[in-house]
Amino acid sequence: MIVPLLPIPGNYQLLIVESGSMEPAIKTGSVVVVKPADSYKIGEVITFSDSGKNRTITHRIADIEMVSGKTYYITKGDANNAEDSNKVPEGKVVGKVLTSVPYAGYLLAAAKKPIGFVLLVIVPCAMIIFEELGKIWKEVKKKKTEIGN
């Protein structure tokens, strides 16, 4: 949630992993940090757009093919028995996975829901505000007693 707010150049994206196809390397519910690269190599983990569907997939590059001057990636989830059936055109690659934070996706997903937002953002903010108001109130009372003496 913080990365998009920081002035870091380079089009970083935070995405939530929703399946176990990359376990044990990337656990279900992890947040992956993805950044576009100029080129990708066999063995690297990439995130790509799923053709025809509004979702992304994070899998490892198993092979690279050149067809009529265009680059295609053959990908495979680490936990899957076979390579993915569709080749990934270079233009569908979102970026390379730089790191993952296990289980942080559950927290991020919860924060997107109204009750999660209230519990993870509003309640802690309210607690801090009330604590600070209490400190201010004590200081005001202290000043009043000093002035009265």
N, C-alpha and C. Protein backbone atom coordinates (compact mmCIF):
# COMPACT_ATOMS: atom_id res chain seq x y z
N MET A 1 0.82 -1.19 0.00
CA MET A 1 0.00 0.00 0.00
C MET A 1 0.87 1.25 0.00
N ILE A 2 2.06 1.16 0.56
CA ILE A 2 2.92 2.34 0.69
C ILE A 2 3.72 2.59 -0.59
N VAL A 3 4.14 1.53 -1.27
CA VAL A 3 5.01 1.69 -2.44
C VAL A 3 4.46 2.66 -3.48
N PRO A 4 3.16 2.62 -3.84
CA PRO A 4 2.67 3.57 -4.84
C PRO A 4 2.76 5.03 -4.38
N LEU A 5 2.81 5.26 -3.08
CA LEU A 5 2.88 6.62 -2.56
C LEU A 5 4.30 7.18 -2.56
N LEU A 6 5.29 6.31 -2.62
CA LEU A 6 6.68 6.75 -2.59
C LEU A 6 7.13 7.21 -3.97
N PRO A 7 8.01 8.22 -4.00
CA PRO A 7 8.50 8.70 -5.30
C PRO A 7 9.60 7.81 -5.87
N ILE A 8 9.28 6.54 -6.11
CA ILE A 8 10.25 5.59 -6.66
C ILE A 8 10.00 5.49 -8.15
N PRO A 9 11.01 5.82 -8.97
CA PRO A 9 10.81 5.71 -10.41
C PRO A 9 10.79 4.25 -10.86
N GLY A 10 10.06 3.96 -11.93
CA GLY A 10 10.16 2.63 -12.51
C GLY A 10 8.91 1.80 -12.61
N ASN A 11 7.74 2.33 -12.39
CA ASN A 11 6.49 1.60 -12.60
C ASN A 11 6.36 0.32 -11.77
N TYR A 12 6.69 0.36 -10.50
CA TYR A 12 6.50 -0.79 -9.62
C TYR A 12 5.01 -1.01 -9.41
N GLN A 13 4.63 -2.28 -9.30
CA GLN A 13 3.25 -2.63 -8.99
C GLN A 13 3.23 -3.65 -7.87
N LEU A 14 2.23 -3.55 -7.02
CA LEU A 14 2.00 -4.56 -5.98
C LEU A 14 0.79 -5.37 -6.39
N LEU A 15 0.95 -6.68 -6.46
CA LEU A 15 -0.15 -7.56 -6.86
C LEU A 15 -0.29 -8.69 -5.85
N ILE A 16 -1.52 -9.15 -5.68
CA ILE A 16 -1.80 -10.23 -4.74
C ILE A 16 -1.84 -11.56 -5.48
N VAL A 17 -1.13 -12.56 -4.97
CA VAL A 17 -1.13 -13.90 -5.55
C VAL A 17 -2.33 -14.65 -4.99
N GLU A 18 -3.21 -15.12 -5.88
CA GLU A 18 -4.46 -15.72 -5.45
C GLU A 18 -4.53 -17.23 -5.58
N SER A 19 -3.47 -17.85 -6.10
CA SER A 19 -3.48 -19.31 -6.22
C SER A 19 -2.14 -19.88 -5.76
N GLY A 20 -2.11 -21.18 -5.62
CA GLY A 20 -0.89 -21.84 -5.15
C GLY A 20 0.00 -22.37 -6.26
N SER A 21 -0.17 -21.89 -7.48
CA SER A 21 0.60 -22.43 -8.61
C SER A 21 2.10 -22.16 -8.51
N MET A 22 2.51 -21.20 -7.69
CA MET A 22 3.95 -20.90 -7.57
C MET A 22 4.54 -21.35 -6.23
N GLU A 23 3.77 -22.12 -5.47
CA GLU A 23 4.30 -22.60 -4.19
C GLU A 23 5.36 -23.65 -4.44
N PRO A 24 6.37 -23.76 -3.62
CA PRO A 24 6.60 -23.05 -2.37
C PRO A 24 7.32 -21.71 -2.53
N ALA A 25 7.76 -21.37 -3.73
CA ALA A 25 8.53 -20.12 -3.92
C ALA A 25 7.71 -18.89 -3.55
N ILE A 26 6.45 -18.85 -4.00
CA ILE A 26 5.55 -17.73 -3.70
C ILE A 26 4.25 -18.33 -3.18
N LYS A 27 3.96 -18.06 -1.93
CA LYS A 27 2.78 -18.63 -1.28
C LYS A 27 1.49 -17.91 -1.68
N THR A 28 0.39 -18.64 -1.63
CA THR A 28 -0.93 -18.06 -1.85
C THR A 28 -1.13 -16.95 -0.82
N GLY A 29 -1.66 -15.81 -1.28
CA GLY A 29 -1.89 -14.68 -0.39
C GLY A 29 -0.70 -13.75 -0.25
N SER A 30 0.37 -14.04 -0.97
CA SER A 30 1.54 -13.16 -0.92
C SER A 30 1.29 -11.91 -1.76
N VAL A 31 2.03 -10.87 -1.47
CA VAL A 31 2.06 -9.68 -2.32
C VAL A 31 3.38 -9.75 -3.07
N VAL A 32 3.32 -9.61 -4.40
CA VAL A 32 4.53 -9.58 -5.20
C VAL A 32 4.79 -8.16 -5.68
N VAL A 33 6.06 -7.78 -5.70
CA VAL A 33 6.47 -6.49 -6.23
C VAL A 33 6.96 -6.75 -7.65
N VAL A 34 6.31 -6.12 -8.62
CA VAL A 34 6.58 -6.38 -10.03
C VAL A 34 7.07 -5.09 -10.70
N LYS A 35 8.11 -5.24 -11.53
CA LYS A 35 8.64 -4.09 -12.26
C LYS A 35 8.94 -4.51 -13.70
N PRO A 36 8.53 -3.69 -14.66
CA PRO A 36 8.86 -4.00 -16.06
C PRO A 36 10.38 -4.02 -16.27
N ALA A 37 10.84 -4.86 -17.18
CA ALA A 37 12.26 -4.96 -17.51
C ALA A 37 12.41 -4.91 -19.03
N ASP A 38 13.61 -4.64 -19.46
CA ASP A 38 13.88 -4.59 -20.90
C ASP A 38 13.88 -5.98 -21.52
N SER A 39 14.31 -6.96 -20.75
CA SER A 39 14.33 -8.34 -21.25
C SER A 39 14.12 -9.30 -20.08
N TYR A 40 13.74 -10.52 -20.42
CA TYR A 40 13.47 -11.53 -19.41
C TYR A 40 14.22 -12.80 -19.80
N LYS A 41 14.62 -13.58 -18.78
CA LYS A 41 15.43 -14.78 -19.00
C LYS A 41 14.70 -16.02 -18.49
N ILE A 42 15.10 -17.16 -19.00
CA ILE A 42 14.58 -18.43 -18.52
C ILE A 42 14.90 -18.54 -17.03
N GLY A 43 13.91 -18.97 -16.26
CA GLY A 43 14.08 -19.12 -14.82
C GLY A 43 13.55 -17.95 -14.01
N GLU A 44 13.36 -16.79 -14.66
CA GLU A 44 12.81 -15.64 -13.94
C GLU A 44 11.31 -15.79 -13.78
N VAL A 45 10.79 -15.20 -12.71
CA VAL A 45 9.35 -15.22 -12.46
C VAL A 45 8.79 -13.91 -13.00
N ILE A 46 7.77 -14.03 -13.87
CA ILE A 46 7.15 -12.85 -14.47
C ILE A 46 5.65 -12.85 -14.16
N THR A 47 5.08 -11.67 -14.27
CA THR A 47 3.64 -11.52 -14.18
C THR A 47 3.16 -11.06 -15.54
N PHE A 48 2.10 -11.68 -16.02
CA PHE A 48 1.59 -11.35 -17.36
C PHE A 48 0.07 -11.31 -17.36
N SER A 49 -0.47 -10.58 -18.32
CA SER A 49 -1.93 -10.49 -18.48
C SER A 49 -2.44 -11.75 -19.12
N ASP A 50 -3.52 -12.27 -18.57
CA ASP A 50 -4.16 -13.46 -19.12
C ASP A 50 -5.01 -13.04 -20.31
N SER A 51 -4.77 -13.64 -21.44
CA SER A 51 -5.50 -13.29 -22.66
C SER A 51 -7.01 -13.43 -22.49
N GLY A 52 -7.73 -12.37 -22.80
CA GLY A 52 -9.18 -12.40 -22.77
C GLY A 52 -9.81 -12.28 -21.40
N LYS A 53 -9.00 -12.31 -20.34
CA LYS A 53 -9.55 -12.20 -18.99
C LYS A 53 -8.90 -11.00 -18.30
N ASN A 54 -9.62 -10.43 -17.36
CA ASN A 54 -9.14 -9.25 -16.67
C ASN A 54 -8.39 -9.68 -15.40
N ARG A 55 -7.27 -10.40 -15.56
CA ARG A 55 -6.48 -10.85 -14.42
C ARG A 55 -5.03 -11.03 -14.86
N THR A 56 -4.18 -11.16 -13.88
CA THR A 56 -2.77 -11.42 -14.16
C THR A 56 -2.37 -12.77 -13.58
N ILE A 57 -1.32 -13.33 -14.15
CA ILE A 57 -0.78 -14.61 -13.70
C ILE A 57 0.70 -14.41 -13.43
N THR A 58 1.19 -15.02 -12.37
CA THR A 58 2.60 -14.96 -12.04
C THR A 58 3.16 -16.38 -12.13
N HIS A 59 4.03 -16.61 -13.12
CA HIS A 59 4.65 -17.91 -13.33
C HIS A 59 6.11 -17.73 -13.75
N ARG A 60 6.84 -18.83 -13.71
CA ARG A 60 8.26 -18.83 -14.08
C ARG A 60 8.42 -19.09 -15.58
N ILE A 61 9.41 -18.44 -16.18
CA ILE A 61 9.71 -18.67 -17.61
C ILE A 61 10.43 -20.00 -17.74
N ALA A 62 9.83 -20.92 -18.48
CA ALA A 62 10.42 -22.24 -18.71
C ALA A 62 11.22 -22.27 -20.01
N ASP A 63 10.80 -21.45 -20.99
CA ASP A 63 11.50 -21.41 -22.28
C ASP A 63 11.10 -20.12 -23.00
N ILE A 64 11.90 -19.76 -23.99
CA ILE A 64 11.62 -18.57 -24.80
C ILE A 64 11.67 -18.98 -26.27
N GLU A 65 10.67 -18.56 -27.03
CA GLU A 65 10.63 -18.88 -28.45
C GLU A 65 10.54 -17.59 -29.27
N MET A 66 11.18 -17.60 -30.42
CA MET A 66 11.07 -16.50 -31.39
C MET A 66 10.26 -17.03 -32.56
N VAL A 67 9.14 -16.36 -32.85
CA VAL A 67 8.30 -16.76 -33.97
C VAL A 67 8.07 -15.52 -34.83
N SER A 68 8.54 -15.58 -36.07
CA SER A 68 8.41 -14.46 -37.01
C SER A 68 8.92 -13.14 -36.39
N GLY A 69 10.03 -13.22 -35.70
CA GLY A 69 10.64 -12.03 -35.11
C GLY A 69 9.99 -11.55 -33.82
N LYS A 70 9.01 -12.27 -33.33
CA LYS A 70 8.34 -11.89 -32.08
C LYS A 70 8.72 -12.87 -30.97
N THR A 71 8.86 -12.34 -29.76
CA THR A 71 9.26 -13.15 -28.61
C THR A 71 8.02 -13.67 -27.87
N TYR A 72 8.06 -14.96 -27.57
CA TYR A 72 7.00 -15.60 -26.79
C TYR A 72 7.65 -16.34 -25.63
N TYR A 73 7.00 -16.26 -24.46
CA TYR A 73 7.50 -16.94 -23.27
C TYR A 73 6.62 -18.14 -22.98
N ILE A 74 7.28 -19.27 -22.74
CA ILE A 74 6.58 -20.46 -22.29
C ILE A 74 6.75 -20.46 -20.77
N THR A 75 5.62 -20.45 -20.06
CA THR A 75 5.66 -20.31 -18.61
C THR A 75 5.10 -21.54 -17.91
N LYS A 76 5.44 -21.64 -16.63
CA LYS A 76 4.96 -22.77 -15.83
C LYS A 76 4.95 -22.35 -14.37
N GLY A 77 3.87 -22.69 -13.69
CA GLY A 77 3.83 -22.51 -12.24
C GLY A 77 4.70 -23.57 -11.60
N ASP A 78 5.46 -23.21 -10.57
CA ASP A 78 6.35 -24.17 -9.92
C ASP A 78 5.62 -25.40 -9.41
N ALA A 79 4.37 -25.22 -8.95
CA ALA A 79 3.60 -26.34 -8.40
C ALA A 79 2.82 -27.11 -9.47
N ASN A 80 2.84 -26.63 -10.69
CA ASN A 80 2.09 -27.29 -11.78
C ASN A 80 2.93 -28.40 -12.41
N ASN A 81 2.24 -29.42 -12.92
CA ASN A 81 2.93 -30.55 -13.55
C ASN A 81 3.39 -30.24 -14.96
N ALA A 82 2.70 -29.34 -15.64
CA ALA A 82 3.01 -29.06 -17.04
C ALA A 82 3.12 -27.56 -17.28
N GLU A 83 3.72 -27.23 -18.40
CA GLU A 83 3.82 -25.83 -18.82
C GLU A 83 2.42 -25.31 -19.14
N ASP A 84 2.27 -23.98 -19.08
CA ASP A 84 1.00 -23.37 -19.44
C ASP A 84 0.70 -23.64 -20.91
N SER A 85 -0.58 -23.81 -21.23
CA SER A 85 -0.96 -24.17 -22.60
C SER A 85 -0.77 -23.02 -23.59
N ASN A 86 -0.90 -21.79 -23.12
CA ASN A 86 -0.74 -20.63 -24.02
C ASN A 86 0.64 -20.00 -23.86
N LYS A 87 1.24 -19.67 -24.99
CA LYS A 87 2.50 -18.93 -24.97
C LYS A 87 2.19 -17.47 -24.67
N VAL A 88 3.07 -16.81 -23.94
CA VAL A 88 2.84 -15.43 -23.53
C VAL A 88 3.60 -14.50 -24.47
N PRO A 89 2.87 -13.68 -25.26
CA PRO A 89 3.56 -12.72 -26.12
C PRO A 89 4.27 -11.66 -25.26
N GLU A 90 5.37 -11.18 -25.74
CA GLU A 90 6.18 -10.20 -25.01
C GLU A 90 5.34 -9.00 -24.54
N GLY A 91 4.40 -8.57 -25.35
CA GLY A 91 3.56 -7.42 -25.02
C GLY A 91 2.59 -7.64 -23.87
N LYS A 92 2.37 -8.89 -23.49
CA LYS A 92 1.46 -9.19 -22.38
C LYS A 92 2.17 -9.26 -21.03
N VAL A 93 3.49 -9.16 -21.04
CA VAL A 93 4.25 -9.24 -19.79
C VAL A 93 4.14 -7.92 -19.04
N VAL A 94 3.68 -8.00 -17.79
CA VAL A 94 3.57 -6.82 -16.93
C VAL A 94 4.93 -6.46 -16.36
N GLY A 95 5.69 -7.48 -15.96
CA GLY A 95 7.02 -7.25 -15.42
C GLY A 95 7.57 -8.46 -14.71
N LYS A 96 8.76 -8.28 -14.17
CA LYS A 96 9.48 -9.33 -13.46
C LYS A 96 9.18 -9.18 -11.96
N VAL A 97 9.01 -10.30 -11.30
CA VAL A 97 8.77 -10.29 -9.85
C VAL A 97 10.12 -10.05 -9.16
N LEU A 98 10.19 -8.97 -8.40
CA LEU A 98 11.42 -8.63 -7.68
C LEU A 98 11.47 -9.28 -6.31
N THR A 99 10.33 -9.31 -5.63
CA THR A 99 10.26 -9.92 -4.31
C THR A 99 8.81 -10.22 -3.98
N SER A 100 8.63 -11.01 -2.96
CA SER A 100 7.27 -11.30 -2.49
C SER A 100 7.24 -11.21 -0.97
N VAL A 101 6.07 -10.82 -0.47
CA VAL A 101 5.86 -10.73 0.98
C VAL A 101 4.76 -11.73 1.32
N PRO A 102 5.14 -12.85 1.94
CA PRO A 102 4.16 -13.90 2.22
C PRO A 102 2.98 -13.41 3.07
N TYR A 103 1.79 -13.80 2.66
CA TYR A 103 0.53 -13.58 3.37
C TYR A 103 0.10 -12.11 3.48
N ALA A 104 0.89 -11.17 3.01
CA ALA A 104 0.52 -9.75 3.08
C ALA A 104 -0.69 -9.45 2.19
N GLY A 105 -0.93 -10.27 1.21
CA GLY A 105 -2.07 -10.08 0.32
C GLY A 105 -3.40 -10.21 1.04
N TYR A 106 -3.45 -11.07 2.05
CA TYR A 106 -4.68 -11.21 2.83
C TYR A 106 -5.01 -9.90 3.54
N LEU A 107 -3.97 -9.26 4.09
CA LEU A 107 -4.15 -7.98 4.77
C LEU A 107 -4.57 -6.90 3.79
N LEU A 108 -3.91 -6.87 2.64
CA LEU A 108 -4.26 -5.89 1.61
C LEU A 108 -5.68 -6.08 1.10
N ALA A 109 -6.07 -7.33 0.87
CA ALA A 109 -7.42 -7.62 0.39
C ALA A 109 -8.45 -7.22 1.43
N ALA A 110 -8.15 -7.47 2.70
CA ALA A 110 -9.08 -7.09 3.77
C ALA A 110 -9.22 -5.58 3.85
N ALA A 111 -8.13 -4.85 3.64
CA ALA A 111 -8.16 -3.39 3.73
C ALA A 111 -9.01 -2.77 2.62
N LYS A 112 -9.23 -3.50 1.55
CA LYS A 112 -10.05 -2.99 0.44
C LYS A 112 -11.54 -3.09 0.72
N LYS A 113 -11.91 -3.89 1.72
CA LYS A 113 -13.32 -4.05 2.08
C LYS A 113 -13.66 -3.03 3.16
N PRO A 114 -14.91 -2.56 3.21
CA PRO A 114 -15.28 -1.53 4.19
C PRO A 114 -14.94 -1.88 5.64
N ILE A 115 -15.27 -3.09 6.08
CA ILE A 115 -15.00 -3.46 7.47
C ILE A 115 -13.50 -3.56 7.71
N GLY A 116 -12.77 -4.07 6.73
CA GLY A 116 -11.32 -4.17 6.85
C GLY A 116 -10.67 -2.80 6.91
N PHE A 117 -11.18 -1.87 6.10
CA PHE A 117 -10.65 -0.51 6.10
C PHE A 117 -10.87 0.14 7.46
N VAL A 118 -12.06 -0.07 8.01
CA VAL A 118 -12.36 0.50 9.33
C VAL A 118 -11.43 -0.08 10.39
N LEU A 119 -11.26 -1.40 10.39
CA LEU A 119 -10.43 -2.05 11.40
C LEU A 119 -8.94 -1.77 11.25
N LEU A 120 -8.47 -1.69 10.00
CA LEU A 120 -7.04 -1.53 9.76
C LEU A 120 -6.58 -0.07 9.63
N VAL A 121 -7.50 0.85 9.35
CA VAL A 121 -7.12 2.24 9.15
C VAL A 121 -7.83 3.17 10.12
N ILE A 122 -9.14 3.17 10.10
CA ILE A 122 -9.91 4.13 10.89
C ILE A 122 -9.71 3.93 12.39
N VAL A 123 -9.83 2.69 12.88
CA VAL A 123 -9.70 2.43 14.31
C VAL A 123 -8.31 2.82 14.83
N PRO A 124 -7.21 2.39 14.19
CA PRO A 124 -5.89 2.83 14.69
C PRO A 124 -5.71 4.35 14.64
N CYS A 125 -6.21 5.00 13.59
CA CYS A 125 -6.11 6.46 13.50
C CYS A 125 -6.89 7.12 14.64
N ALA A 126 -8.08 6.62 14.91
CA ALA A 126 -8.89 7.17 16.00
C ALA A 126 -8.19 6.98 17.34
N MET A 127 -7.56 5.84 17.54
CA MET A 127 -6.83 5.60 18.79
C MET A 127 -5.70 6.59 18.97
N ILE A 128 -4.96 6.84 17.91
CA ILE A 128 -3.85 7.80 17.96
C ILE A 128 -4.37 9.20 18.24
N ILE A 129 -5.44 9.58 17.58
CA ILE A 129 -6.02 10.92 17.78
C ILE A 129 -6.48 11.09 19.22
N PHE A 130 -7.20 10.10 19.78
CA PHE A 130 -7.68 10.20 21.16
C PHE A 130 -6.51 10.24 22.15
N GLU A 131 -5.47 9.46 21.88
CA GLU A 131 -4.29 9.48 22.76
C GLU A 131 -3.64 10.86 22.75
N GLU A 132 -3.51 11.45 21.58
CA GLU A 132 -2.91 12.78 21.47
C GLU A 132 -3.80 13.85 22.11
N LEU A 133 -5.12 13.73 21.94
CA LEU A 133 -6.04 14.66 22.59
C LEU A 133 -5.92 14.57 24.12
N GLY A 134 -5.74 13.36 24.64
CA GLY A 134 -5.54 13.17 26.07
C GLY A 134 -4.28 13.87 26.56
N LYS A 135 -3.21 13.76 25.79
CA LYS A 135 -1.95 14.44 26.15
C LYS A 135 -2.14 15.96 26.13
N ILE A 136 -2.82 16.46 25.13
CA ILE A 136 -3.08 17.90 25.04
C ILE A 136 -3.91 18.36 26.24
N TRP A 137 -4.95 17.58 26.59
CA TRP A 137 -5.81 17.92 27.72
C TRP A 137 -4.99 17.99 29.01
N LYS A 138 -4.09 17.02 29.24
CA LYS A 138 -3.24 17.02 30.43
C LYS A 138 -2.34 18.26 30.46
N GLU A 139 -1.78 18.61 29.32
CA GLU A 139 -0.92 19.79 29.25
C GLU A 139 -1.69 21.07 29.53
N VAL A 140 -2.91 21.16 29.03
CA VAL A 140 -3.75 22.34 29.27
C VAL A 140 -4.06 22.44 30.76
N LYS A 141 -4.44 21.32 31.40
CA LYS A 141 -4.72 21.33 32.84
C LYS A 141 -3.48 21.72 33.64
N LYS A 142 -2.33 21.21 33.22
CA LYS A 142 -1.06 21.52 33.89
C LYS A 142 -0.77 23.01 33.80
N LYS A 143 -0.96 23.59 32.63
CA LYS A 143 -0.72 25.02 32.43
C LYS A 143 -1.69 25.86 33.28
N LYS A 144 -2.94 25.42 33.37
CA LYS A 144 -3.93 26.15 34.17
C LYS A 144 -3.55 26.16 35.64
N THR A 145 -3.07 25.03 36.16
CA THR A 145 -2.67 24.98 37.57
C THR A 145 -1.41 25.80 37.81
N GLU A 146 -0.50 25.84 36.83
CA GLU A 146 0.70 26.67 36.97
C GLU A 146 0.34 28.16 36.99
N ILE A 147 -0.59 28.54 36.15
CA ILE A 147 -1.02 29.94 36.08
C ILE A 147 -1.77 30.31 37.36
N GLY A 148 -2.54 29.39 37.90
CA GLY A 148 -3.33 29.66 39.10
C GLY A 148 -2.45 29.81 40.35
N ASN A 149 -1.25 29.27 40.35
CA ASN A 149 -0.36 29.37 41.52
C ASN A 149 0.40 30.61 41.52
